[in-house]
Amino acid sequence: MRLLVIRLKPKERLPFHKRSQFYSWTCNTDGLAVSRHKNGSITLIKFKKGATHFWDLGENGTIADFENTGEELIVIHVIEYIKQFDKAIKNMSA
């Protein structure tokens, strides 16, 4: 498991990076962001303080960037689950 804190000022951008198979984030601020994906799609994300989201990106994960398009600082706590942990969770629920 990897824990990250993302803090992006307005117009600040994280470069393209690989996202793991399964991850979650909790928003510590309201905000607005854009994420561009390797397949050419673009996602507009509206953050609400305290909201938590979970993603299962499948076996290969995905590659995307992340840009704060709002007018305020965005702060997000991210948990990326590594493959070994993911397999253990699936085995427990079987």
Protein backbone atom coordinates (compact mmCIF):
# COMPACT_ATOMS: atom_id res chain seq x y z
CA MET A 1 0.00 0.00 0.00
CA ARG A 2 1.26 3.46 -0.83
CA LEU A 3 -0.09 6.60 0.85
CA LEU A 4 0.17 9.95 -0.95
CA VAL A 5 -0.88 13.50 -0.24
CA ILE A 6 -1.51 15.53 -3.38
CA ARG A 7 -1.47 19.33 -3.00
CA LEU A 8 -2.01 21.28 -6.19
CA LYS A 9 -2.24 25.04 -6.48
CA PRO A 10 -4.54 26.53 -9.13
CA LYS A 11 -3.30 25.69 -12.66
CA GLU A 12 -0.67 23.30 -11.21
CA ARG A 13 -0.44 19.91 -12.96
CA LEU A 14 0.93 16.45 -12.21
CA PRO A 15 2.53 14.89 -15.32
CA PHE A 16 1.28 11.66 -16.87
CA HIS A 17 1.82 8.76 -14.49
CA LYS A 18 0.66 5.17 -14.07
CA ARG A 19 -2.21 4.59 -11.66
CA SER A 20 -2.46 1.25 -9.92
CA GLN A 21 -5.20 -1.32 -10.35
CA PHE A 22 -7.13 -0.29 -7.25
CA TYR A 23 -6.91 3.01 -5.43
CA SER A 24 -9.00 5.42 -3.40
CA TRP A 25 -8.86 9.06 -2.46
CA THR A 26 -10.41 11.34 0.10
CA CYS A 27 -10.83 15.04 -0.70
CA ASN A 28 -9.75 17.47 1.98
CA THR A 29 -10.92 20.50 -0.01
CA ASP A 30 -13.53 21.42 -2.58
CA GLY A 31 -12.13 21.90 -6.05
CA LEU A 32 -12.17 21.33 -9.78
CA ALA A 33 -9.66 19.30 -11.81
CA VAL A 34 -9.10 17.73 -15.22
CA SER A 35 -7.47 14.39 -15.93
CA ARG A 36 -6.33 13.45 -19.45
CA HIS A 37 -6.03 9.72 -20.20
CA LYS A 38 -3.78 7.75 -22.53
CA ASN A 39 -6.77 6.78 -24.71
CA GLY A 40 -7.48 10.47 -25.43
CA SER A 41 -10.45 10.85 -23.10
CA ILE A 42 -10.67 13.77 -20.67
CA THR A 43 -12.38 13.64 -17.27
CA LEU A 44 -13.64 16.71 -15.41
CA ILE A 45 -13.57 16.09 -11.65
CA LYS A 46 -15.51 18.16 -9.12
CA PHE A 47 -14.26 17.61 -5.56
CA LYS A 48 -16.38 17.99 -2.47
CA LYS A 49 -14.60 18.21 0.88
CA GLY A 50 -14.86 14.90 2.76
CA ALA A 51 -15.88 12.82 -0.27
CA THR A 52 -14.17 9.46 -0.78
CA HIS A 53 -13.98 7.64 -4.12
CA PHE A 54 -12.76 4.13 -5.01
CA TRP A 55 -11.53 2.89 -8.41
CA ASP A 56 -10.78 -0.57 -9.75
CA LEU A 57 -8.83 0.04 -12.98
CA GLY A 58 -8.46 -3.59 -13.96
CA GLU A 59 -5.34 -5.67 -14.42
CA ASN A 60 -3.21 -3.03 -16.19
CA GLY A 61 -4.21 0.18 -14.41
CA THR A 62 -4.10 3.35 -16.50
CA ILE A 63 -1.91 6.32 -17.42
CA ALA A 64 -3.20 9.87 -16.91
CA ASP A 65 -2.23 13.38 -15.82
CA PHE A 66 -4.01 15.55 -13.23
CA GLU A 67 -4.47 19.34 -13.31
CA ASN A 68 -6.09 21.73 -10.83
CA THR A 69 -8.35 23.85 -13.04
CA GLY A 70 -10.08 25.57 -10.11
CA GLU A 71 -9.24 28.76 -8.24
CA GLU A 72 -8.30 27.19 -4.88
CA LEU A 73 -5.71 24.74 -3.55
CA ILE A 74 -6.71 21.06 -3.91
CA VAL A 75 -5.62 18.62 -1.19
CA ILE A 76 -6.31 14.90 -1.65
CA HIS A 77 -5.17 11.86 0.35
CA VAL A 78 -4.62 8.86 -1.96
CA ILE A 79 -4.21 5.17 -1.10
CA GLU A 80 -2.79 2.96 -3.86
CA TYR A 81 -3.15 -0.75 -3.19
CA ILE A 82 -0.29 -2.89 -4.46
CA LYS A 83 -0.95 -6.14 -6.33
CA GLN A 84 -0.05 -8.42 -3.41
CA PHE A 85 -2.55 -6.60 -1.17
CA ASP A 86 -5.19 -6.69 -3.91
CA LYS A 87 -4.78 -10.46 -4.30
CA ALA A 88 -5.07 -10.96 -0.54
CA ILE A 89 -8.35 -9.00 -0.45
CA LYS A 90 -9.80 -11.04 -3.34
CA ASN A 91 -8.77 -14.32 -1.64
CA MET A 92 -10.42 -13.25 1.63
CA SER A 93 -13.73 -12.55 -0.10
CA ALA A 94 -13.74 -15.84 -2.07
